[in-house]
């Protein structure tokens, strides 16, 4: 298993407002440099533990989709989901929200859960061979875009 990477940013908006933005996974492509589309599946319509969604990702000409399951949905506090591909664990993504005097601190992190098969096969499929560095850069881009949207 790989590393856990993450970063935080201060946002001048309430934890509840930013949680609502992040937990509406259908909007993630507005901020993420990698995710191009997301849709709830299996009858799910919103962020509750056990809800499933499908994420479509792209980097250059590389395109792939993953299956995701919400594992924590605590409004204004924490939103997390598990990502898998063809039944193999890929990662967990976690968003934590802490109130501050001017809004909130948002921390986005990911835990790499890839086993050997996904770790080796993932590079050619996604075009990413150093997933930790790539994810950290993506987290920073996502948080900056989320901040701009939340404060607009």
N, C-alpha and C. Protein backbone atom coordinates (compact mmCIF):
# COMPACT_ATOMS: atom_id res chain seq x y z
N UNK A 1 0.84 -1.18 0.00
CA UNK A 1 0.00 0.00 0.00
C UNK A 1 0.89 1.24 0.00
N UNK A 2 0.36 2.27 -0.63
CA UNK A 2 1.11 3.51 -0.76
C UNK A 2 0.85 4.46 0.38
N UNK A 3 1.29 5.64 0.14
CA UNK A 3 1.26 6.68 1.17
C UNK A 3 -0.11 7.34 1.30
N UNK A 4 -0.25 8.04 2.41
CA UNK A 4 -1.37 8.96 2.60
C UNK A 4 -0.83 10.34 2.29
N UNK A 5 -1.53 11.07 1.41
CA UNK A 5 -1.13 12.44 1.10
C UNK A 5 -2.33 13.35 1.29
N UNK A 6 -2.05 14.60 1.59
CA UNK A 6 -3.14 15.55 1.77
C UNK A 6 -2.62 16.95 2.00
N UNK A 7 -3.56 17.88 2.00
CA UNK A 7 -3.23 19.27 2.26
C UNK A 7 -4.50 19.97 2.75
N UNK A 8 -4.32 21.18 3.26
CA UNK A 8 -5.45 21.95 3.81
C UNK A 8 -5.45 23.35 3.24
N UNK A 9 -6.61 23.98 3.33
CA UNK A 9 -6.76 25.37 2.89
C UNK A 9 -7.83 26.03 3.76
N UNK A 10 -7.66 27.32 4.00
CA UNK A 10 -8.67 28.11 4.71
C UNK A 10 -9.65 28.67 3.69
N UNK A 11 -10.93 28.56 3.98
CA UNK A 11 -11.96 29.06 3.08
C UNK A 11 -12.91 29.96 3.87
N UNK A 12 -13.22 31.11 3.31
CA UNK A 12 -14.13 32.05 3.97
C UNK A 12 -15.57 31.67 3.66
N UNK A 13 -15.98 30.52 4.18
CA UNK A 13 -17.35 30.02 4.05
C UNK A 13 -17.54 29.02 5.18
N UNK A 14 -18.79 28.79 5.56
CA UNK A 14 -19.06 27.90 6.68
C UNK A 14 -18.70 26.45 6.34
N UNK A 15 -18.34 25.66 7.35
CA UNK A 15 -18.06 24.24 7.10
C UNK A 15 -19.24 23.53 6.44
N UNK A 16 -20.45 23.91 6.82
CA UNK A 16 -21.65 23.27 6.25
C UNK A 16 -21.79 23.59 4.76
N UNK A 17 -21.52 24.84 4.39
CA UNK A 17 -21.64 25.23 2.98
C UNK A 17 -20.61 24.51 2.11
N UNK A 18 -19.38 24.43 2.60
CA UNK A 18 -18.33 23.77 1.82
C UNK A 18 -18.56 22.26 1.79
N UNK A 19 -19.02 21.70 2.90
CA UNK A 19 -19.39 20.28 2.93
C UNK A 19 -20.45 19.99 1.86
N UNK A 20 -21.46 20.85 1.77
CA UNK A 20 -22.53 20.65 0.79
C UNK A 20 -21.96 20.65 -0.64
N UNK A 21 -20.98 21.49 -0.89
CA UNK A 21 -20.36 21.53 -2.22
C UNK A 21 -19.61 20.23 -2.51
N UNK A 22 -18.76 19.82 -1.57
CA UNK A 22 -17.92 18.64 -1.78
C UNK A 22 -18.74 17.35 -1.82
N UNK A 23 -19.73 17.25 -0.96
CA UNK A 23 -20.51 16.01 -0.89
C UNK A 23 -21.49 15.85 -2.05
N UNK A 24 -21.69 16.90 -2.83
CA UNK A 24 -22.45 16.78 -4.08
C UNK A 24 -21.45 16.34 -5.14
N UNK A 25 -21.16 15.04 -5.16
CA UNK A 25 -20.09 14.51 -6.01
C UNK A 25 -20.30 14.80 -7.49
N UNK A 26 -21.53 15.09 -7.90
CA UNK A 26 -21.78 15.42 -9.30
C UNK A 26 -21.12 16.74 -9.69
N UNK A 27 -20.66 17.51 -8.71
CA UNK A 27 -19.98 18.79 -8.98
C UNK A 27 -18.46 18.69 -8.93
N UNK A 28 -17.92 17.53 -8.55
CA UNK A 28 -16.48 17.42 -8.33
C UNK A 28 -15.65 17.82 -9.55
N UNK A 29 -16.16 17.60 -10.74
CA UNK A 29 -15.38 17.96 -11.94
C UNK A 29 -15.20 19.48 -12.07
N UNK A 30 -15.98 20.25 -11.32
CA UNK A 30 -15.80 21.71 -11.33
C UNK A 30 -14.47 22.11 -10.68
N UNK A 31 -13.95 21.26 -9.80
CA UNK A 31 -12.73 21.61 -9.05
C UNK A 31 -11.56 20.68 -9.35
N UNK A 32 -11.82 19.42 -9.58
CA UNK A 32 -10.76 18.43 -9.74
C UNK A 32 -10.12 18.51 -11.13
N UNK A 33 -8.79 18.48 -11.19
CA UNK A 33 -8.13 18.49 -12.49
C UNK A 33 -8.18 17.13 -13.18
N UNK A 34 -8.61 16.08 -12.48
CA UNK A 34 -8.61 14.73 -13.04
C UNK A 34 -10.01 14.19 -13.30
N UNK A 35 -10.96 14.55 -12.46
CA UNK A 35 -12.30 13.98 -12.59
C UNK A 35 -13.09 14.76 -13.64
N UNK A 36 -13.68 14.02 -14.58
CA UNK A 36 -14.42 14.69 -15.65
C UNK A 36 -15.93 14.58 -15.50
N UNK A 37 -16.41 13.59 -14.77
CA UNK A 37 -17.85 13.43 -14.56
C UNK A 37 -18.09 12.46 -13.41
N UNK A 38 -19.22 12.65 -12.74
CA UNK A 38 -19.61 11.75 -11.65
C UNK A 38 -21.12 11.62 -11.65
N UNK A 39 -21.60 10.41 -11.38
CA UNK A 39 -23.04 10.23 -11.26
C UNK A 39 -23.34 9.22 -10.16
N UNK A 40 -24.41 9.49 -9.44
CA UNK A 40 -24.90 8.57 -8.43
C UNK A 40 -25.44 7.33 -9.14
N UNK A 41 -25.26 6.15 -8.57
CA UNK A 41 -25.74 4.90 -9.17
C UNK A 41 -26.48 4.07 -8.13
N UNK A 42 -27.17 3.06 -8.61
CA UNK A 42 -27.85 2.13 -7.71
C UNK A 42 -28.97 2.75 -6.91
N UNK A 43 -29.61 3.77 -7.45
CA UNK A 43 -30.70 4.43 -6.75
C UNK A 43 -30.27 5.52 -5.80
N UNK A 44 -28.96 5.72 -5.62
CA UNK A 44 -28.47 6.79 -4.73
C UNK A 44 -28.75 8.15 -5.36
N UNK A 45 -29.08 9.11 -4.51
CA UNK A 45 -29.33 10.47 -4.99
C UNK A 45 -28.57 11.52 -4.19
N UNK A 46 -27.82 11.09 -3.19
CA UNK A 46 -27.09 12.05 -2.38
C UNK A 46 -26.16 11.37 -1.40
N UNK A 47 -25.44 12.19 -0.65
CA UNK A 47 -24.36 11.70 0.22
C UNK A 47 -24.83 11.09 1.54
N UNK A 48 -25.05 9.79 1.52
CA UNK A 48 -25.32 9.04 2.75
C UNK A 48 -24.40 7.84 2.76
N UNK A 49 -24.05 7.38 3.95
CA UNK A 49 -23.16 6.22 4.05
C UNK A 49 -23.79 5.05 3.29
N UNK A 50 -22.98 4.43 2.45
CA UNK A 50 -23.42 3.31 1.64
C UNK A 50 -23.83 3.70 0.23
N UNK A 51 -24.08 4.99 -0.03
CA UNK A 51 -24.45 5.44 -1.38
C UNK A 51 -23.27 5.19 -2.32
N UNK A 52 -23.61 4.86 -3.55
CA UNK A 52 -22.58 4.57 -4.55
C UNK A 52 -22.64 5.58 -5.69
N UNK A 53 -21.46 5.83 -6.25
CA UNK A 53 -21.39 6.67 -7.43
C UNK A 53 -20.25 6.20 -8.31
N UNK A 54 -20.30 6.63 -9.55
CA UNK A 54 -19.30 6.27 -10.55
C UNK A 54 -18.56 7.54 -10.95
N UNK A 55 -17.24 7.50 -10.89
CA UNK A 55 -16.43 8.64 -11.27
C UNK A 55 -15.70 8.35 -12.57
N UNK A 56 -15.75 9.29 -13.49
CA UNK A 56 -15.02 9.19 -14.75
C UNK A 56 -13.87 10.18 -14.69
N UNK A 57 -12.69 9.71 -15.03
CA UNK A 57 -11.48 10.51 -14.90
C UNK A 57 -10.77 10.62 -16.24
N UNK A 58 -9.95 11.68 -16.36
CA UNK A 58 -9.17 11.84 -17.57
C UNK A 58 -7.89 12.62 -17.27
N UNK A 59 -6.84 12.17 -17.94
CA UNK A 59 -5.57 12.88 -17.94
C UNK A 59 -5.07 12.78 -19.38
N UNK A 60 -5.08 13.90 -20.09
CA UNK A 60 -4.71 13.86 -21.50
C UNK A 60 -5.64 12.92 -22.25
N UNK A 61 -5.07 11.98 -22.99
CA UNK A 61 -5.89 11.03 -23.74
C UNK A 61 -6.30 9.82 -22.91
N UNK A 62 -5.78 9.69 -21.70
CA UNK A 62 -6.12 8.58 -20.81
C UNK A 62 -7.50 8.82 -20.19
N UNK A 63 -8.35 7.81 -20.23
CA UNK A 63 -9.70 7.88 -19.65
C UNK A 63 -9.99 6.59 -18.92
N UNK A 64 -10.63 6.70 -17.74
CA UNK A 64 -11.01 5.52 -16.98
C UNK A 64 -12.10 5.88 -15.99
N UNK A 65 -12.81 4.87 -15.50
CA UNK A 65 -13.87 5.08 -14.51
C UNK A 65 -13.62 4.21 -13.29
N UNK A 66 -14.14 4.66 -12.17
CA UNK A 66 -14.02 3.90 -10.93
C UNK A 66 -15.38 3.85 -10.23
N UNK A 67 -15.52 2.87 -9.37
CA UNK A 67 -16.72 2.73 -8.54
C UNK A 67 -16.39 3.27 -7.16
N UNK A 68 -17.31 4.03 -6.59
CA UNK A 68 -17.07 4.67 -5.30
C UNK A 68 -18.24 4.40 -4.35
N UNK A 69 -17.92 4.33 -3.07
CA UNK A 69 -18.93 4.10 -2.04
C UNK A 69 -18.67 5.06 -0.89
N UNK A 70 -19.69 5.80 -0.50
CA UNK A 70 -19.58 6.75 0.60
C UNK A 70 -19.38 5.97 1.91
N UNK A 71 -18.33 6.32 2.66
CA UNK A 71 -18.04 5.65 3.92
C UNK A 71 -18.20 6.57 5.13
N UNK A 72 -18.34 7.86 4.89
CA UNK A 72 -18.62 8.81 5.97
C UNK A 72 -19.32 10.02 5.36
N UNK A 73 -20.40 10.43 5.97
CA UNK A 73 -21.16 11.60 5.49
C UNK A 73 -21.71 12.34 6.70
N UNK A 74 -20.82 13.04 7.39
CA UNK A 74 -21.18 13.79 8.57
C UNK A 74 -21.23 15.27 8.20
N UNK A 75 -22.43 15.82 7.96
CA UNK A 75 -22.54 17.19 7.46
C UNK A 75 -21.71 18.20 8.26
N UNK A 76 -20.96 19.01 7.51
CA UNK A 76 -20.15 20.06 8.11
C UNK A 76 -18.89 19.58 8.80
N UNK A 77 -18.68 18.26 8.81
CA UNK A 77 -17.51 17.70 9.53
C UNK A 77 -16.61 16.85 8.64
N UNK A 78 -17.22 15.84 7.98
CA UNK A 78 -16.39 14.87 7.25
C UNK A 78 -17.18 14.20 6.14
N UNK A 79 -16.55 14.10 4.97
CA UNK A 79 -17.11 13.34 3.85
C UNK A 79 -15.99 12.46 3.32
N UNK A 80 -16.27 11.17 3.17
CA UNK A 80 -15.23 10.24 2.72
C UNK A 80 -15.85 9.16 1.85
N UNK A 81 -15.05 8.66 0.91
CA UNK A 81 -15.52 7.57 0.06
C UNK A 81 -14.37 6.64 -0.31
N UNK A 82 -14.74 5.40 -0.55
CA UNK A 82 -13.81 4.35 -0.96
C UNK A 82 -13.90 4.20 -2.47
N UNK A 83 -12.77 4.09 -3.14
CA UNK A 83 -12.71 3.93 -4.58
C UNK A 83 -12.19 2.54 -4.92
N UNK A 84 -12.85 1.90 -5.88
CA UNK A 84 -12.39 0.59 -6.35
C UNK A 84 -12.52 0.53 -7.86
N UNK A 85 -11.84 -0.44 -8.44
CA UNK A 85 -11.89 -0.65 -9.88
C UNK A 85 -11.92 -2.15 -10.13
N UNK A 86 -12.96 -2.61 -10.79
CA UNK A 86 -13.14 -4.05 -11.04
C UNK A 86 -13.03 -4.87 -9.76
N UNK A 87 -13.52 -4.33 -8.66
CA UNK A 87 -13.51 -5.03 -7.39
C UNK A 87 -12.22 -4.90 -6.60
N UNK A 88 -11.21 -4.26 -7.16
CA UNK A 88 -9.94 -4.08 -6.46
C UNK A 88 -9.92 -2.71 -5.78
N UNK A 89 -9.47 -2.67 -4.52
CA UNK A 89 -9.37 -1.40 -3.80
C UNK A 89 -8.36 -0.49 -4.48
N UNK A 90 -8.70 0.79 -4.58
CA UNK A 90 -7.80 1.78 -5.17
C UNK A 90 -7.37 2.79 -4.11
N UNK A 91 -8.35 3.43 -3.45
CA UNK A 91 -8.01 4.49 -2.50
C UNK A 91 -9.23 4.85 -1.66
N UNK A 92 -8.97 5.61 -0.62
CA UNK A 92 -10.01 6.29 0.14
C UNK A 92 -9.72 7.78 0.01
N UNK A 93 -10.77 8.58 -0.17
CA UNK A 93 -10.65 10.03 -0.23
C UNK A 93 -11.43 10.60 0.93
N UNK A 94 -10.80 11.54 1.65
CA UNK A 94 -11.40 12.10 2.86
C UNK A 94 -11.34 13.63 2.80
N UNK A 95 -12.47 14.24 3.14
CA UNK A 95 -12.57 15.71 3.26
C UNK A 95 -13.02 15.99 4.68
N UNK A 96 -12.23 16.81 5.40
CA UNK A 96 -12.56 17.18 6.77
C UNK A 96 -12.71 18.69 6.84
N UNK A 97 -13.69 19.13 7.63
CA UNK A 97 -14.05 20.53 7.73
C UNK A 97 -13.99 20.97 9.18
N UNK A 98 -13.20 22.01 9.45
CA UNK A 98 -13.07 22.53 10.82
C UNK A 98 -13.44 24.01 10.81
N UNK A 99 -14.31 24.43 11.73
CA UNK A 99 -14.64 25.86 11.78
C UNK A 99 -13.42 26.69 12.17
N UNK A 100 -13.35 27.88 11.59
CA UNK A 100 -12.32 28.86 11.95
C UNK A 100 -13.05 30.18 12.20
N UNK A 101 -12.37 31.16 12.76
CA UNK A 101 -13.03 32.45 13.00
C UNK A 101 -13.57 33.11 11.73
N UNK A 102 -12.99 32.78 10.56
CA UNK A 102 -13.43 33.43 9.32
C UNK A 102 -14.12 32.47 8.35
N UNK A 103 -14.38 31.25 8.76
CA UNK A 103 -15.02 30.27 7.87
C UNK A 103 -14.67 28.86 8.27
N UNK A 104 -13.80 28.23 7.47
CA UNK A 104 -13.40 26.85 7.82
C UNK A 104 -12.07 26.48 7.20
N UNK A 105 -11.48 25.49 7.79
CA UNK A 105 -10.28 24.86 7.24
C UNK A 105 -10.75 23.55 6.62
N UNK A 106 -10.40 23.34 5.35
CA UNK A 106 -10.76 22.11 4.65
C UNK A 106 -9.49 21.31 4.41
N UNK A 107 -9.51 20.06 4.81
CA UNK A 107 -8.40 19.16 4.56
C UNK A 107 -8.88 18.06 3.62
N UNK A 108 -8.18 17.91 2.52
CA UNK A 108 -8.44 16.83 1.57
C UNK A 108 -7.26 15.88 1.63
N UNK A 109 -7.55 14.59 1.77
CA UNK A 109 -6.46 13.60 1.80
C UNK A 109 -6.91 12.32 1.12
N UNK A 110 -5.93 11.54 0.75
CA UNK A 110 -6.22 10.25 0.13
C UNK A 110 -5.27 9.20 0.68
N UNK A 111 -5.80 8.02 0.84
CA UNK A 111 -5.01 6.87 1.29
C UNK A 111 -4.95 5.91 0.11
N UNK A 112 -3.75 5.60 -0.33
CA UNK A 112 -3.55 4.68 -1.44
C UNK A 112 -3.80 3.26 -0.95
N UNK A 113 -4.78 2.58 -1.50
CA UNK A 113 -5.14 1.22 -1.09
C UNK A 113 -4.83 0.20 -2.19
N UNK A 114 -4.10 0.62 -3.23
CA UNK A 114 -3.84 -0.26 -4.36
C UNK A 114 -2.93 -1.42 -3.97
N UNK A 115 -3.34 -2.60 -4.38
CA UNK A 115 -2.48 -3.76 -4.28
C UNK A 115 -1.60 -3.84 -5.52
N UNK A 116 -0.85 -4.91 -5.62
CA UNK A 116 0.13 -5.07 -6.70
C UNK A 116 -0.49 -4.92 -8.09
N UNK A 117 -1.60 -5.59 -8.35
CA UNK A 117 -2.19 -5.60 -9.69
C UNK A 117 -2.61 -4.19 -10.12
N UNK A 118 -3.31 -3.48 -9.26
CA UNK A 118 -3.76 -2.13 -9.62
C UNK A 118 -2.58 -1.16 -9.65
N UNK A 119 -1.63 -1.34 -8.76
CA UNK A 119 -0.46 -0.45 -8.74
C UNK A 119 0.33 -0.57 -10.04
N UNK A 120 0.55 -1.80 -10.51
CA UNK A 120 1.31 -2.02 -11.73
C UNK A 120 0.50 -1.64 -12.96
N UNK A 121 -0.77 -2.03 -13.00
CA UNK A 121 -1.60 -1.75 -14.16
C UNK A 121 -2.08 -0.32 -14.25
N UNK A 122 -2.08 0.38 -13.12
CA UNK A 122 -2.62 1.74 -13.10
C UNK A 122 -1.83 2.75 -13.90
N UNK A 123 -0.52 2.62 -13.91
CA UNK A 123 0.32 3.58 -14.65
C UNK A 123 -0.03 3.65 -16.13
N UNK A 124 -0.02 2.52 -16.83
CA UNK A 124 -0.35 2.57 -18.26
C UNK A 124 -1.80 3.02 -18.54
N UNK A 125 -2.72 2.67 -17.65
CA UNK A 125 -4.13 3.03 -17.86
C UNK A 125 -4.34 4.53 -17.66
N UNK A 126 -3.74 5.09 -16.60
CA UNK A 126 -3.98 6.48 -16.24
C UNK A 126 -2.92 7.46 -16.75
N UNK A 127 -1.74 6.94 -17.08
CA UNK A 127 -0.65 7.82 -17.47
C UNK A 127 0.09 8.39 -16.27
N UNK A 128 -0.24 7.90 -15.05
CA UNK A 128 0.38 8.39 -13.81
C UNK A 128 1.20 7.26 -13.20
N UNK A 129 2.51 7.48 -13.04
CA UNK A 129 3.37 6.46 -12.48
C UNK A 129 3.81 6.79 -11.05
N UNK A 130 3.74 8.06 -10.68
CA UNK A 130 4.02 8.47 -9.29
C UNK A 130 2.71 9.01 -8.73
N UNK A 131 1.87 8.12 -8.25
CA UNK A 131 0.52 8.48 -7.82
C UNK A 131 0.53 9.43 -6.63
N UNK A 132 1.45 9.26 -5.67
CA UNK A 132 1.46 10.15 -4.50
C UNK A 132 1.72 11.60 -4.88
N UNK A 133 2.74 11.85 -5.68
CA UNK A 133 3.05 13.22 -6.11
C UNK A 133 1.92 13.79 -6.95
N UNK A 134 1.39 12.97 -7.84
CA UNK A 134 0.29 13.41 -8.70
C UNK A 134 -0.93 13.77 -7.86
N UNK A 135 -1.28 12.92 -6.90
CA UNK A 135 -2.45 13.19 -6.06
C UNK A 135 -2.26 14.45 -5.23
N UNK A 136 -1.07 14.67 -4.68
CA UNK A 136 -0.83 15.87 -3.89
C UNK A 136 -1.00 17.13 -4.74
N UNK A 137 -0.48 17.11 -5.95
CA UNK A 137 -0.66 18.25 -6.85
C UNK A 137 -2.14 18.46 -7.17
N UNK A 138 -2.85 17.36 -7.42
CA UNK A 138 -4.28 17.43 -7.71
C UNK A 138 -5.08 17.95 -6.52
N UNK A 139 -4.72 17.52 -5.32
CA UNK A 139 -5.39 17.99 -4.11
C UNK A 139 -5.23 19.51 -3.98
N UNK A 140 -4.03 19.99 -4.19
CA UNK A 140 -3.79 21.43 -4.08
C UNK A 140 -4.58 22.22 -5.12
N UNK A 141 -4.65 21.70 -6.33
CA UNK A 141 -5.44 22.35 -7.39
C UNK A 141 -6.92 22.34 -7.03
N UNK A 142 -7.40 21.19 -6.56
CA UNK A 142 -8.81 21.05 -6.18
C UNK A 142 -9.17 22.00 -5.06
N UNK A 143 -8.34 22.06 -4.02
CA UNK A 143 -8.64 22.93 -2.88
C UNK A 143 -8.66 24.40 -3.29
N UNK A 144 -7.73 24.80 -4.15
CA UNK A 144 -7.70 26.21 -4.60
C UNK A 144 -8.96 26.53 -5.41
N UNK A 145 -9.39 25.60 -6.27
CA UNK A 145 -10.60 25.83 -7.06
C UNK A 145 -11.85 25.82 -6.18
N UNK A 146 -11.87 24.93 -5.19
CA UNK A 146 -13.00 24.88 -4.25
C UNK A 146 -13.10 26.19 -3.46
N UNK A 147 -11.96 26.70 -3.02
CA UNK A 147 -11.91 27.98 -2.29
C UNK A 147 -12.48 29.10 -3.15
N UNK A 148 -12.02 29.18 -4.39
CA UNK A 148 -12.49 30.24 -5.30
C UNK A 148 -14.00 30.15 -5.50
N UNK A 149 -14.51 28.94 -5.68
CA UNK A 149 -15.97 28.76 -5.89
C UNK A 149 -16.76 29.10 -4.64
N UNK A 150 -16.27 28.64 -3.49
CA UNK A 150 -16.99 28.86 -2.24
C UNK A 150 -17.02 30.33 -1.83
N UNK A 151 -15.97 31.05 -2.17
CA UNK A 151 -15.87 32.44 -1.78
C UNK A 151 -16.44 33.40 -2.82
N UNK A 152 -16.86 32.87 -3.96
CA UNK A 152 -17.41 33.73 -5.04
C UNK A 152 -18.79 34.24 -4.67
